N, C-alpha and C. Protein backbone atom coordinates (compact mmCIF):
# COMPACT_ATOMS: atom_id res chain seq x y z
N MET A 1 -97.86 -199.65 16.50
CA MET A 1 -97.04 -198.48 16.13
C MET A 1 -95.81 -198.95 15.36
N LYS A 2 -95.52 -198.29 14.25
CA LYS A 2 -94.30 -198.61 13.52
C LYS A 2 -93.11 -198.11 14.31
N SER A 3 -91.98 -198.72 14.12
CA SER A 3 -90.79 -198.38 14.90
C SER A 3 -90.26 -197.00 14.56
N ARG A 4 -89.34 -196.54 15.40
CA ARG A 4 -88.68 -195.26 15.15
C ARG A 4 -87.92 -195.30 13.83
N VAL A 5 -87.63 -196.51 13.39
CA VAL A 5 -86.83 -196.64 12.18
C VAL A 5 -87.56 -196.05 10.98
N SER A 6 -88.94 -196.10 10.95
CA SER A 6 -89.62 -195.59 9.79
C SER A 6 -89.30 -194.13 9.51
N SER A 7 -89.10 -193.35 10.57
CA SER A 7 -88.75 -191.94 10.36
C SER A 7 -87.35 -191.81 9.78
N ILE A 8 -86.45 -192.72 10.14
CA ILE A 8 -85.11 -192.70 9.57
C ILE A 8 -85.20 -193.02 8.08
N VAL A 9 -86.03 -194.01 7.74
CA VAL A 9 -86.20 -194.36 6.33
C VAL A 9 -86.72 -193.16 5.56
N PHE A 10 -87.71 -192.47 6.14
CA PHE A 10 -88.27 -191.30 5.48
C PHE A 10 -87.21 -190.23 5.29
N PHE A 11 -86.37 -190.05 6.30
CA PHE A 11 -85.30 -189.06 6.21
C PHE A 11 -84.34 -189.40 5.08
N LEU A 12 -84.00 -190.67 4.96
CA LEU A 12 -83.11 -191.09 3.89
C LEU A 12 -83.72 -190.78 2.53
N LEU A 13 -85.00 -191.03 2.38
CA LEU A 13 -85.66 -190.73 1.12
C LEU A 13 -85.64 -189.23 0.84
N LEU A 14 -85.86 -188.44 1.89
CA LEU A 14 -85.84 -186.99 1.72
C LEU A 14 -84.50 -186.51 1.18
N ASN A 15 -83.44 -187.16 1.62
CA ASN A 15 -82.10 -186.72 1.24
C ASN A 15 -81.94 -186.58 -0.26
N PHE A 16 -82.54 -187.50 -1.03
CA PHE A 16 -82.32 -187.43 -2.46
C PHE A 16 -83.54 -187.04 -3.26
N SER A 17 -84.73 -186.97 -2.62
CA SER A 17 -85.92 -186.73 -3.44
C SER A 17 -86.62 -185.40 -3.17
N LEU A 18 -86.49 -184.85 -1.97
CA LEU A 18 -87.26 -183.66 -1.63
C LEU A 18 -86.94 -182.49 -2.54
N VAL A 19 -85.67 -182.18 -2.70
CA VAL A 19 -85.29 -181.02 -3.51
C VAL A 19 -85.65 -181.26 -4.97
N ALA A 20 -85.46 -182.47 -5.45
CA ALA A 20 -85.78 -182.77 -6.85
C ALA A 20 -87.26 -182.59 -7.12
N GLN A 21 -88.12 -182.93 -6.16
CA GLN A 21 -89.55 -182.77 -6.35
C GLN A 21 -89.91 -181.30 -6.48
N GLN A 22 -89.16 -180.44 -5.79
CA GLN A 22 -89.47 -179.02 -5.80
C GLN A 22 -88.72 -178.26 -6.89
N ALA A 23 -87.88 -178.94 -7.63
CA ALA A 23 -87.03 -178.28 -8.62
C ALA A 23 -87.83 -177.86 -9.85
N PRO A 24 -87.31 -176.90 -10.63
CA PRO A 24 -87.96 -176.50 -11.86
C PRO A 24 -87.99 -177.64 -12.86
N PRO A 25 -88.84 -177.54 -13.92
CA PRO A 25 -88.88 -178.59 -14.92
C PRO A 25 -87.50 -178.83 -15.51
N PRO A 26 -87.19 -180.08 -15.89
CA PRO A 26 -85.86 -180.39 -16.41
C PRO A 26 -85.56 -179.64 -17.69
N SER A 27 -84.28 -179.33 -17.90
CA SER A 27 -83.87 -178.65 -19.11
C SER A 27 -83.68 -179.67 -20.22
N SER A 28 -83.36 -179.16 -21.42
CA SER A 28 -83.17 -180.04 -22.56
C SER A 28 -81.93 -180.90 -22.42
N LYS A 29 -81.08 -180.59 -21.42
CA LYS A 29 -79.86 -181.35 -21.22
C LYS A 29 -80.06 -182.53 -20.27
N ALA A 30 -81.32 -182.82 -19.92
CA ALA A 30 -81.58 -183.91 -18.99
C ALA A 30 -81.09 -185.23 -19.55
N ALA A 31 -80.75 -186.15 -18.64
CA ALA A 31 -80.30 -187.46 -19.09
C ALA A 31 -81.41 -188.14 -19.86
N SER A 32 -81.10 -188.76 -20.99
CA SER A 32 -82.12 -189.29 -21.88
C SER A 32 -82.60 -190.67 -21.47
N THR A 33 -81.83 -191.42 -20.74
CA THR A 33 -82.23 -192.75 -20.34
C THR A 33 -82.04 -192.93 -18.84
N ALA A 34 -82.91 -193.75 -18.25
CA ALA A 34 -82.80 -194.02 -16.83
C ALA A 34 -81.57 -194.88 -16.56
N PRO A 35 -80.93 -194.67 -15.42
CA PRO A 35 -79.75 -195.47 -15.10
C PRO A 35 -80.13 -196.92 -14.80
N ASP A 36 -79.18 -197.80 -14.98
CA ASP A 36 -79.36 -199.20 -14.64
C ASP A 36 -79.65 -199.31 -13.14
N PRO A 37 -80.77 -199.96 -12.75
CA PRO A 37 -81.05 -200.08 -11.31
C PRO A 37 -80.09 -201.01 -10.60
N GLY A 38 -79.35 -201.82 -11.37
CA GLY A 38 -78.41 -202.74 -10.76
C GLY A 38 -79.10 -203.96 -10.18
N ALA A 39 -78.31 -204.87 -9.62
CA ALA A 39 -78.86 -206.10 -9.06
C ALA A 39 -77.91 -206.65 -8.01
N ILE A 40 -78.49 -207.45 -7.10
CA ILE A 40 -77.71 -208.11 -6.04
C ILE A 40 -77.52 -209.58 -6.40
N ALA A 41 -76.30 -210.04 -6.32
CA ALA A 41 -76.00 -211.45 -6.55
C ALA A 41 -74.88 -211.86 -5.60
N ASN A 42 -75.09 -212.96 -4.88
CA ASN A 42 -74.07 -213.47 -3.95
C ASN A 42 -73.63 -212.42 -2.93
N GLY A 43 -74.60 -211.65 -2.48
CA GLY A 43 -74.31 -210.67 -1.44
C GLY A 43 -73.63 -209.40 -1.91
N VAL A 44 -73.55 -209.20 -3.24
CA VAL A 44 -72.90 -208.00 -3.78
C VAL A 44 -73.84 -207.31 -4.76
N TYR A 45 -74.03 -206.00 -4.55
CA TYR A 45 -74.81 -205.20 -5.49
C TYR A 45 -73.87 -204.67 -6.57
N ARG A 46 -74.28 -204.81 -7.83
CA ARG A 46 -73.48 -204.31 -8.95
C ARG A 46 -74.30 -203.36 -9.80
N ASN A 47 -73.68 -202.26 -10.21
CA ASN A 47 -74.36 -201.29 -11.06
C ASN A 47 -73.48 -200.99 -12.26
N SER A 48 -73.96 -201.36 -13.45
CA SER A 48 -73.16 -201.19 -14.66
C SER A 48 -73.16 -199.76 -15.18
N SER A 49 -74.22 -199.00 -14.90
CA SER A 49 -74.28 -197.62 -15.39
C SER A 49 -73.17 -196.76 -14.83
N PHE A 50 -72.88 -196.94 -13.55
CA PHE A 50 -71.89 -196.10 -12.89
C PHE A 50 -70.63 -196.88 -12.47
N GLY A 51 -70.61 -198.17 -12.76
CA GLY A 51 -69.40 -198.96 -12.59
C GLY A 51 -68.95 -199.18 -11.16
N PHE A 52 -69.89 -199.40 -10.23
CA PHE A 52 -69.48 -199.64 -8.85
C PHE A 52 -70.15 -200.89 -8.30
N THR A 53 -69.59 -201.39 -7.20
CA THR A 53 -70.19 -202.50 -6.47
C THR A 53 -70.31 -202.11 -5.01
N TYR A 54 -71.25 -202.77 -4.33
CA TYR A 54 -71.36 -202.59 -2.89
C TYR A 54 -71.61 -203.94 -2.26
N LYS A 55 -70.70 -204.35 -1.37
CA LYS A 55 -70.84 -205.63 -0.68
C LYS A 55 -71.74 -205.44 0.53
N LEU A 56 -72.89 -206.12 0.53
CA LEU A 56 -73.84 -205.99 1.62
C LEU A 56 -73.30 -206.63 2.90
N PRO A 57 -73.44 -205.94 4.03
CA PRO A 57 -73.06 -206.58 5.29
C PRO A 57 -73.90 -207.85 5.50
N TYR A 58 -73.31 -208.84 6.11
CA TYR A 58 -73.97 -210.13 6.27
C TYR A 58 -75.27 -209.99 7.05
N GLY A 59 -76.34 -210.58 6.49
CA GLY A 59 -77.62 -210.61 7.17
C GLY A 59 -78.48 -209.37 6.99
N TRP A 60 -78.00 -208.37 6.28
CA TRP A 60 -78.80 -207.16 6.09
C TRP A 60 -79.97 -207.42 5.14
N VAL A 61 -80.98 -206.55 5.24
CA VAL A 61 -82.24 -206.72 4.52
C VAL A 61 -82.33 -205.74 3.36
N ASP A 62 -82.67 -206.25 2.18
CA ASP A 62 -82.81 -205.41 1.00
C ASP A 62 -84.24 -204.89 0.90
N ARG A 63 -84.39 -203.57 0.84
CA ARG A 63 -85.70 -202.95 0.68
C ARG A 63 -85.68 -201.98 -0.51
N SER A 64 -84.84 -202.25 -1.48
CA SER A 64 -84.69 -201.34 -2.63
C SER A 64 -86.00 -201.16 -3.38
N ASP A 65 -86.70 -202.26 -3.67
CA ASP A 65 -87.95 -202.17 -4.42
C ASP A 65 -88.98 -201.33 -3.69
N ASP A 66 -89.12 -201.56 -2.38
CA ASP A 66 -90.09 -200.79 -1.58
C ASP A 66 -89.76 -199.31 -1.61
N MET A 67 -88.48 -198.98 -1.50
CA MET A 67 -88.09 -197.57 -1.48
C MET A 67 -88.30 -196.93 -2.84
N ARG A 68 -88.11 -197.70 -3.92
CA ARG A 68 -88.37 -197.15 -5.25
C ARG A 68 -89.84 -196.78 -5.39
N GLN A 69 -90.72 -197.61 -4.86
CA GLN A 69 -92.14 -197.32 -4.93
C GLN A 69 -92.50 -196.09 -4.11
N GLU A 70 -91.90 -195.96 -2.92
CA GLU A 70 -92.17 -194.80 -2.07
C GLU A 70 -91.68 -193.52 -2.71
N ALA A 71 -90.61 -193.61 -3.48
CA ALA A 71 -90.02 -192.42 -4.10
C ALA A 71 -90.53 -192.19 -5.51
N ALA A 72 -91.55 -192.93 -5.93
CA ALA A 72 -92.02 -192.85 -7.31
C ALA A 72 -92.55 -191.47 -7.68
N ALA A 73 -92.91 -190.66 -6.67
CA ALA A 73 -93.43 -189.32 -6.95
C ALA A 73 -92.39 -188.41 -7.56
N SER A 74 -91.13 -188.79 -7.46
CA SER A 74 -90.05 -187.97 -8.01
C SER A 74 -89.42 -188.70 -9.19
N PRO A 75 -89.92 -188.44 -10.41
CA PRO A 75 -89.42 -189.17 -11.58
C PRO A 75 -87.97 -188.89 -11.91
N LYS A 76 -87.39 -187.84 -11.32
CA LYS A 76 -85.99 -187.52 -11.61
C LYS A 76 -85.04 -188.22 -10.66
N SER A 77 -85.59 -188.98 -9.68
CA SER A 77 -84.76 -189.67 -8.70
C SER A 77 -85.00 -191.17 -8.78
N THR A 78 -83.93 -191.94 -8.62
CA THR A 78 -84.03 -193.39 -8.66
C THR A 78 -83.27 -193.99 -7.49
N VAL A 79 -83.95 -194.83 -6.72
CA VAL A 79 -83.26 -195.57 -5.67
C VAL A 79 -82.54 -196.73 -6.33
N LEU A 80 -81.24 -196.79 -6.18
CA LEU A 80 -80.47 -197.90 -6.73
C LEU A 80 -80.36 -199.04 -5.72
N LEU A 81 -80.15 -198.68 -4.45
CA LEU A 81 -80.00 -199.69 -3.41
C LEU A 81 -80.46 -199.12 -2.08
N GLY A 82 -81.23 -199.90 -1.34
CA GLY A 82 -81.63 -199.52 0.01
C GLY A 82 -81.59 -200.75 0.89
N VAL A 83 -80.59 -200.82 1.77
CA VAL A 83 -80.43 -202.00 2.63
C VAL A 83 -80.33 -201.56 4.09
N PHE A 84 -80.83 -202.43 4.97
CA PHE A 84 -80.93 -202.11 6.39
C PHE A 84 -80.43 -203.27 7.23
N GLU A 85 -79.91 -202.93 8.41
CA GLU A 85 -79.44 -203.98 9.31
C GLU A 85 -80.58 -204.88 9.76
N HIS A 86 -81.76 -204.28 9.98
CA HIS A 86 -82.95 -205.02 10.37
C HIS A 86 -84.11 -204.59 9.46
N PRO A 87 -85.17 -205.39 9.34
CA PRO A 87 -86.33 -204.96 8.55
C PRO A 87 -86.84 -203.62 9.06
N PRO A 88 -87.05 -202.63 8.19
CA PRO A 88 -87.51 -201.31 8.65
C PRO A 88 -88.82 -201.35 9.41
N GLU A 89 -89.66 -202.36 9.13
CA GLU A 89 -90.95 -202.44 9.81
C GLU A 89 -90.86 -203.05 11.20
N ALA A 90 -89.69 -203.57 11.55
CA ALA A 90 -89.53 -204.22 12.86
C ALA A 90 -89.55 -203.18 13.98
N THR A 91 -90.11 -203.56 15.11
CA THR A 91 -90.13 -202.69 16.28
C THR A 91 -88.81 -202.83 17.04
N THR A 92 -88.12 -201.72 17.22
CA THR A 92 -86.85 -201.76 17.91
C THR A 92 -86.55 -200.39 18.50
N SER A 93 -85.82 -200.38 19.59
CA SER A 93 -85.44 -199.11 20.22
C SER A 93 -84.05 -198.67 19.78
N LYS A 94 -83.40 -199.51 18.95
CA LYS A 94 -82.05 -199.19 18.48
C LYS A 94 -82.10 -198.55 17.09
N LEU A 95 -81.05 -197.85 16.77
CA LEU A 95 -80.92 -197.30 15.43
C LEU A 95 -80.75 -198.44 14.42
N ASN A 96 -81.49 -198.37 13.35
CA ASN A 96 -81.37 -199.36 12.29
C ASN A 96 -80.38 -198.83 11.26
N SER A 97 -79.15 -199.29 11.31
CA SER A 97 -78.14 -198.82 10.38
C SER A 97 -78.59 -199.11 8.95
N ALA A 98 -78.15 -198.27 8.01
CA ALA A 98 -78.66 -198.39 6.65
C ALA A 98 -77.67 -197.85 5.63
N VAL A 99 -77.86 -198.30 4.40
CA VAL A 99 -77.13 -197.77 3.25
C VAL A 99 -78.14 -197.52 2.15
N VAL A 100 -78.19 -196.30 1.65
CA VAL A 100 -79.09 -195.96 0.55
C VAL A 100 -78.27 -195.30 -0.56
N ILE A 101 -78.35 -195.88 -1.74
CA ILE A 101 -77.65 -195.33 -2.91
C ILE A 101 -78.71 -194.89 -3.91
N ALA A 102 -78.58 -193.67 -4.41
CA ALA A 102 -79.60 -193.12 -5.30
C ALA A 102 -78.96 -192.32 -6.42
N ALA A 103 -79.71 -192.12 -7.48
CA ALA A 103 -79.24 -191.31 -8.61
C ALA A 103 -80.31 -190.28 -8.95
N GLU A 104 -79.87 -189.04 -9.13
CA GLU A 104 -80.77 -187.95 -9.52
C GLU A 104 -80.23 -187.30 -10.79
N SER A 105 -81.11 -186.92 -11.65
CA SER A 105 -80.68 -186.19 -12.83
C SER A 105 -80.11 -184.84 -12.41
N ALA A 106 -78.94 -184.52 -12.90
CA ALA A 106 -78.31 -183.24 -12.55
C ALA A 106 -79.11 -182.06 -13.07
N SER A 107 -80.00 -182.31 -14.03
CA SER A 107 -80.81 -181.21 -14.58
C SER A 107 -81.80 -180.67 -13.56
N SER A 108 -82.00 -181.40 -12.46
CA SER A 108 -82.89 -180.92 -11.40
C SER A 108 -82.27 -179.77 -10.61
N TYR A 109 -80.98 -179.53 -10.83
CA TYR A 109 -80.26 -178.49 -10.11
C TYR A 109 -79.62 -177.52 -11.10
N PRO A 110 -80.39 -176.56 -11.62
CA PRO A 110 -79.85 -175.62 -12.59
C PRO A 110 -78.60 -174.91 -12.06
N GLY A 111 -77.57 -174.88 -12.89
CA GLY A 111 -76.33 -174.20 -12.51
C GLY A 111 -75.35 -175.08 -11.78
N LEU A 112 -75.74 -176.29 -11.42
CA LEU A 112 -74.81 -177.16 -10.71
C LEU A 112 -73.72 -177.64 -11.65
N LYS A 113 -72.48 -177.43 -11.24
CA LYS A 113 -71.34 -177.82 -12.06
C LYS A 113 -70.40 -178.79 -11.34
N ALA A 114 -70.56 -178.95 -10.03
CA ALA A 114 -69.67 -179.82 -9.27
C ALA A 114 -70.48 -180.54 -8.19
N ALA A 115 -70.04 -181.75 -7.85
CA ALA A 115 -70.76 -182.56 -6.88
C ALA A 115 -70.89 -181.86 -5.53
N ALA A 116 -69.88 -181.06 -5.15
CA ALA A 116 -69.90 -180.40 -3.84
C ALA A 116 -71.10 -179.46 -3.69
N GLN A 117 -71.60 -178.92 -4.80
CA GLN A 117 -72.73 -178.00 -4.73
C GLN A 117 -74.00 -178.70 -4.27
N TYR A 118 -74.07 -180.01 -4.43
CA TYR A 118 -75.24 -180.77 -4.01
C TYR A 118 -75.45 -180.69 -2.50
N PHE A 119 -74.38 -180.44 -1.75
CA PHE A 119 -74.49 -180.45 -0.31
C PHE A 119 -75.19 -179.21 0.24
N GLY A 120 -75.41 -178.21 -0.60
CA GLY A 120 -76.19 -177.06 -0.16
C GLY A 120 -77.61 -177.47 0.20
N PRO A 121 -78.39 -177.95 -0.79
CA PRO A 121 -79.75 -178.38 -0.46
C PRO A 121 -79.80 -179.59 0.48
N LEU A 122 -78.84 -180.49 0.36
CA LEU A 122 -78.84 -181.66 1.24
C LEU A 122 -78.68 -181.26 2.69
N SER A 123 -77.79 -180.31 2.95
CA SER A 123 -77.55 -179.87 4.33
C SER A 123 -78.79 -179.20 4.91
N GLU A 124 -79.56 -178.51 4.08
CA GLU A 124 -80.79 -177.89 4.56
C GLU A 124 -81.77 -178.96 5.03
N VAL A 125 -81.89 -180.04 4.27
CA VAL A 125 -82.78 -181.13 4.65
C VAL A 125 -82.29 -181.78 5.94
N ALA A 126 -80.99 -182.04 6.03
CA ALA A 126 -80.43 -182.68 7.22
C ALA A 126 -80.67 -181.83 8.46
N THR A 127 -80.46 -180.52 8.35
CA THR A 127 -80.67 -179.62 9.48
C THR A 127 -82.12 -179.63 9.93
N ALA A 128 -83.03 -179.63 8.97
CA ALA A 128 -84.46 -179.65 9.29
C ALA A 128 -84.86 -180.92 10.03
N LYS A 129 -84.08 -182.00 9.84
CA LYS A 129 -84.40 -183.28 10.47
C LYS A 129 -83.59 -183.52 11.75
N GLY A 130 -82.84 -182.51 12.19
CA GLY A 130 -82.16 -182.64 13.47
C GLY A 130 -80.70 -183.02 13.41
N LEU A 131 -80.14 -183.09 12.21
CA LEU A 131 -78.72 -183.39 12.09
C LEU A 131 -77.95 -182.13 11.74
N LYS A 132 -76.69 -182.10 12.13
CA LYS A 132 -75.83 -180.96 11.82
C LYS A 132 -74.58 -181.44 11.09
N ALA A 133 -74.14 -180.65 10.13
CA ALA A 133 -72.91 -180.98 9.43
C ALA A 133 -71.74 -180.82 10.39
N VAL A 134 -70.82 -181.79 10.37
CA VAL A 134 -69.67 -181.72 11.26
C VAL A 134 -68.41 -181.30 10.51
N ASN A 135 -68.53 -181.09 9.21
CA ASN A 135 -67.38 -180.62 8.42
C ASN A 135 -67.91 -180.03 7.12
N GLU A 136 -67.01 -179.40 6.38
CA GLU A 136 -67.35 -178.92 5.05
C GLU A 136 -67.18 -180.07 4.05
N PRO A 137 -67.83 -179.99 2.89
CA PRO A 137 -67.62 -181.03 1.87
C PRO A 137 -66.13 -181.13 1.53
N TYR A 138 -65.66 -182.36 1.40
CA TYR A 138 -64.24 -182.55 1.09
C TYR A 138 -64.06 -183.71 0.13
N GLU A 139 -62.93 -183.70 -0.58
CA GLU A 139 -62.64 -184.76 -1.54
C GLU A 139 -62.40 -186.07 -0.80
N PHE A 140 -63.05 -187.12 -1.31
CA PHE A 140 -62.91 -188.43 -0.69
C PHE A 140 -62.88 -189.48 -1.81
N PRO A 141 -61.78 -189.52 -2.57
CA PRO A 141 -61.73 -190.43 -3.72
C PRO A 141 -61.89 -191.88 -3.30
N VAL A 142 -62.65 -192.63 -4.09
CA VAL A 142 -62.79 -194.07 -3.90
C VAL A 142 -62.32 -194.73 -5.18
N ASP A 143 -61.22 -195.45 -5.09
CA ASP A 143 -60.64 -196.09 -6.28
C ASP A 143 -60.43 -195.07 -7.40
N ALA A 144 -59.93 -193.92 -7.02
CA ALA A 144 -59.57 -192.83 -7.95
C ALA A 144 -60.78 -192.11 -8.55
N ARG A 145 -62.00 -192.43 -8.12
CA ARG A 145 -63.16 -191.69 -8.60
C ARG A 145 -63.26 -190.36 -7.83
N PRO A 146 -63.63 -189.26 -8.50
CA PRO A 146 -63.69 -187.95 -7.86
C PRO A 146 -64.96 -187.78 -7.03
N ILE A 147 -64.96 -188.33 -5.83
CA ILE A 147 -66.14 -188.29 -4.96
C ILE A 147 -65.95 -187.23 -3.89
N VAL A 148 -67.07 -186.60 -3.51
CA VAL A 148 -67.07 -185.58 -2.46
C VAL A 148 -67.90 -186.11 -1.29
N ARG A 149 -67.45 -185.82 -0.08
CA ARG A 149 -68.11 -186.36 1.12
C ARG A 149 -68.41 -185.25 2.12
N ARG A 150 -69.51 -185.45 2.85
CA ARG A 150 -69.80 -184.59 4.00
C ARG A 150 -70.45 -185.45 5.08
N ASP A 151 -70.12 -185.15 6.33
CA ASP A 151 -70.60 -185.95 7.46
C ASP A 151 -71.55 -185.13 8.32
N PHE A 152 -72.54 -185.84 8.89
CA PHE A 152 -73.55 -185.21 9.73
C PHE A 152 -73.70 -186.04 11.01
N ALA A 153 -74.18 -185.39 12.07
CA ALA A 153 -74.42 -186.09 13.32
C ALA A 153 -75.53 -185.39 14.08
N GLY A 154 -76.19 -186.14 14.94
CA GLY A 154 -77.26 -185.55 15.75
C GLY A 154 -78.10 -186.63 16.37
N GLN A 155 -79.31 -186.25 16.76
CA GLN A 155 -80.25 -187.19 17.33
C GLN A 155 -81.58 -187.10 16.61
N VAL A 156 -82.17 -188.25 16.33
CA VAL A 156 -83.49 -188.32 15.72
C VAL A 156 -84.33 -189.21 16.61
N HIS A 157 -85.39 -188.64 17.20
CA HIS A 157 -86.24 -189.38 18.14
C HIS A 157 -85.43 -190.01 19.28
N GLY A 158 -84.46 -189.24 19.78
CA GLY A 158 -83.68 -189.70 20.91
C GLY A 158 -82.57 -190.68 20.57
N LEU A 159 -82.40 -190.99 19.30
CA LEU A 159 -81.36 -191.92 18.89
C LEU A 159 -80.18 -191.16 18.31
N ALA A 160 -78.97 -191.49 18.77
CA ALA A 160 -77.77 -190.87 18.21
C ALA A 160 -77.59 -191.39 16.79
N VAL A 161 -77.38 -190.48 15.85
CA VAL A 161 -77.27 -190.85 14.44
C VAL A 161 -76.01 -190.24 13.84
N GLN A 162 -75.28 -191.04 13.10
CA GLN A 162 -74.20 -190.53 12.27
C GLN A 162 -74.56 -190.80 10.81
N GLN A 163 -74.40 -189.79 9.99
CA GLN A 163 -74.65 -189.95 8.56
C GLN A 163 -73.47 -189.42 7.77
N SER A 164 -73.04 -190.20 6.82
CA SER A 164 -72.04 -189.73 5.85
C SER A 164 -72.64 -189.90 4.47
N THR A 165 -72.54 -188.86 3.66
CA THR A 165 -73.05 -188.92 2.29
C THR A 165 -71.90 -188.62 1.34
N LEU A 166 -71.71 -189.52 0.38
CA LEU A 166 -70.72 -189.35 -0.67
C LEU A 166 -71.47 -189.06 -1.96
N VAL A 167 -70.94 -188.14 -2.77
CA VAL A 167 -71.64 -187.76 -4.00
C VAL A 167 -70.67 -187.79 -5.17
N LEU A 168 -71.15 -188.39 -6.25
CA LEU A 168 -70.39 -188.49 -7.50
C LEU A 168 -71.22 -187.88 -8.61
N LEU A 169 -70.63 -187.00 -9.41
CA LEU A 169 -71.29 -186.42 -10.57
C LEU A 169 -70.78 -187.13 -11.81
N GLU A 170 -71.66 -187.90 -12.46
CA GLU A 170 -71.24 -188.68 -13.61
C GLU A 170 -72.41 -188.94 -14.56
N LYS A 171 -72.15 -188.82 -15.86
CA LYS A 171 -73.15 -189.11 -16.89
C LYS A 171 -74.43 -188.31 -16.68
N ASN A 172 -74.29 -187.04 -16.31
CA ASN A 172 -75.42 -186.15 -16.06
C ASN A 172 -76.28 -186.60 -14.88
N TYR A 173 -75.71 -187.39 -13.99
CA TYR A 173 -76.41 -187.82 -12.79
C TYR A 173 -75.58 -187.49 -11.56
N LEU A 174 -76.29 -187.18 -10.47
CA LEU A 174 -75.69 -187.08 -9.15
C LEU A 174 -75.97 -188.41 -8.47
N VAL A 175 -74.94 -189.15 -8.18
CA VAL A 175 -75.09 -190.43 -7.50
C VAL A 175 -74.71 -190.21 -6.05
N SER A 176 -75.65 -190.46 -5.14
CA SER A 176 -75.39 -190.25 -3.72
C SER A 176 -75.34 -191.58 -2.99
N PHE A 177 -74.35 -191.71 -2.11
CA PHE A 177 -74.16 -192.90 -1.29
C PHE A 177 -74.34 -192.44 0.16
N THR A 178 -75.46 -192.79 0.76
CA THR A 178 -75.77 -192.33 2.11
C THR A 178 -75.64 -193.48 3.09
N PHE A 179 -74.85 -193.28 4.13
CA PHE A 179 -74.59 -194.31 5.13
C PHE A 179 -75.08 -193.80 6.49
N ILE A 180 -75.89 -194.61 7.16
CA ILE A 180 -76.38 -194.30 8.50
C ILE A 180 -75.80 -195.31 9.47
N ALA A 181 -75.14 -194.84 10.52
CA ALA A 181 -74.45 -195.76 11.44
C ALA A 181 -74.58 -195.28 12.87
N ASN A 182 -74.30 -196.21 13.79
CA ASN A 182 -74.34 -195.88 15.21
C ASN A 182 -73.10 -195.13 15.67
N ASP A 183 -71.95 -195.46 15.07
CA ASP A 183 -70.70 -194.84 15.52
C ASP A 183 -69.70 -194.82 14.36
N ASN A 184 -68.56 -194.22 14.61
CA ASN A 184 -67.57 -194.04 13.56
C ASN A 184 -66.99 -195.36 13.06
N ASP A 185 -66.76 -196.31 13.97
CA ASP A 185 -66.20 -197.59 13.55
C ASP A 185 -67.13 -198.29 12.55
N GLU A 186 -68.41 -198.29 12.86
CA GLU A 186 -69.37 -198.91 11.94
C GLU A 186 -69.41 -198.14 10.62
N MET A 187 -69.31 -196.82 10.68
CA MET A 187 -69.33 -196.01 9.46
C MET A 187 -68.17 -196.37 8.55
N VAL A 188 -66.99 -196.53 9.12
CA VAL A 188 -65.81 -196.89 8.33
C VAL A 188 -66.03 -198.23 7.64
N GLU A 189 -66.58 -199.19 8.35
CA GLU A 189 -66.82 -200.51 7.77
C GLU A 189 -67.82 -200.44 6.62
N LEU A 190 -68.88 -199.66 6.79
CA LEU A 190 -69.90 -199.56 5.75
C LEU A 190 -69.33 -198.92 4.49
N ILE A 191 -68.56 -197.86 4.64
CA ILE A 191 -68.02 -197.17 3.48
C ILE A 191 -66.98 -198.03 2.76
N GLU A 192 -66.23 -198.81 3.51
CA GLU A 192 -65.20 -199.65 2.90
C GLU A 192 -65.78 -200.73 1.98
N ASN A 193 -67.07 -201.00 2.07
CA ASN A 193 -67.69 -202.00 1.19
C ASN A 193 -68.00 -201.46 -0.21
N LEU A 194 -67.82 -200.16 -0.40
CA LEU A 194 -68.04 -199.54 -1.71
C LEU A 194 -66.78 -199.64 -2.55
N ALA A 195 -66.93 -200.04 -3.80
CA ALA A 195 -65.76 -200.17 -4.67
C ALA A 195 -66.12 -199.85 -6.11
N PHE A 196 -65.16 -199.26 -6.80
CA PHE A 196 -65.27 -199.04 -8.24
C PHE A 196 -64.23 -199.95 -8.87
N GLY A 197 -64.70 -201.10 -9.36
CA GLY A 197 -63.77 -202.09 -9.88
C GLY A 197 -63.92 -203.37 -9.10
N LYS A 198 -62.83 -203.90 -8.58
CA LYS A 198 -62.84 -205.18 -7.88
C LYS A 198 -63.61 -205.07 -6.57
N VAL A 199 -64.46 -206.08 -6.30
CA VAL A 199 -65.24 -206.11 -5.08
C VAL A 199 -64.32 -206.20 -3.86
N ARG A 200 -64.59 -205.37 -2.84
CA ARG A 200 -63.80 -205.44 -1.62
C ARG A 200 -64.32 -206.54 -0.71
N ASN A 201 -63.43 -207.14 0.04
CA ASN A 201 -63.81 -208.15 1.03
C ASN A 201 -64.77 -209.17 0.46
N PRO A 202 -64.35 -209.98 -0.50
CA PRO A 202 -65.23 -210.96 -1.11
C PRO A 202 -65.88 -211.85 -0.06
N ALA A 203 -67.00 -212.47 -0.44
CA ALA A 203 -67.74 -213.32 0.48
C ALA A 203 -66.81 -214.39 1.04
N GLY A 204 -66.94 -214.58 2.34
CA GLY A 204 -66.14 -215.62 2.99
C GLY A 204 -64.80 -215.14 3.48
N LYS A 205 -64.47 -213.84 3.27
CA LYS A 205 -63.18 -213.32 3.73
C LYS A 205 -63.39 -212.17 4.70
């Protein structure tokens, strides 16, 4: 039997791909080129298309390629980064903390003009999977970037789950940063590794 973690992985994929798969055909304003998938070097993921870095927690496992293949059915969505505290296929009774960063063409959401509007469909998916929003979307700038955040909490297969999703609307893309953690302290640490500009907490510090 695969671990409980596989359902968490599936939930993370749903967050950015389910609505896009069901969306109307893209309009003529769709983004013309796919975003840079980025790359990991020396424990830091860098993405030139959107100008951000993410410092991977020590020892975490990169499953970005696998998640891109699983999400291939949605051509309007791209997994940029998918990392986990433990291998998703490992058998464990604990929550497998994770960070998933994805980009969706904004054309998949007709009428969307602000990042906060993305939380409408996202919240529906989260509710269907057993999580509840604990606040309304609010401004959460990271290095002066206009990012919007919403937090969720609940239980999935008997495991307490905290999820925070940050959304940035840029270059006709919705870039979502989804963090799954056991508690608030871990959530703060995971989010602090995101930077636009200089890498936070360089290796060895």
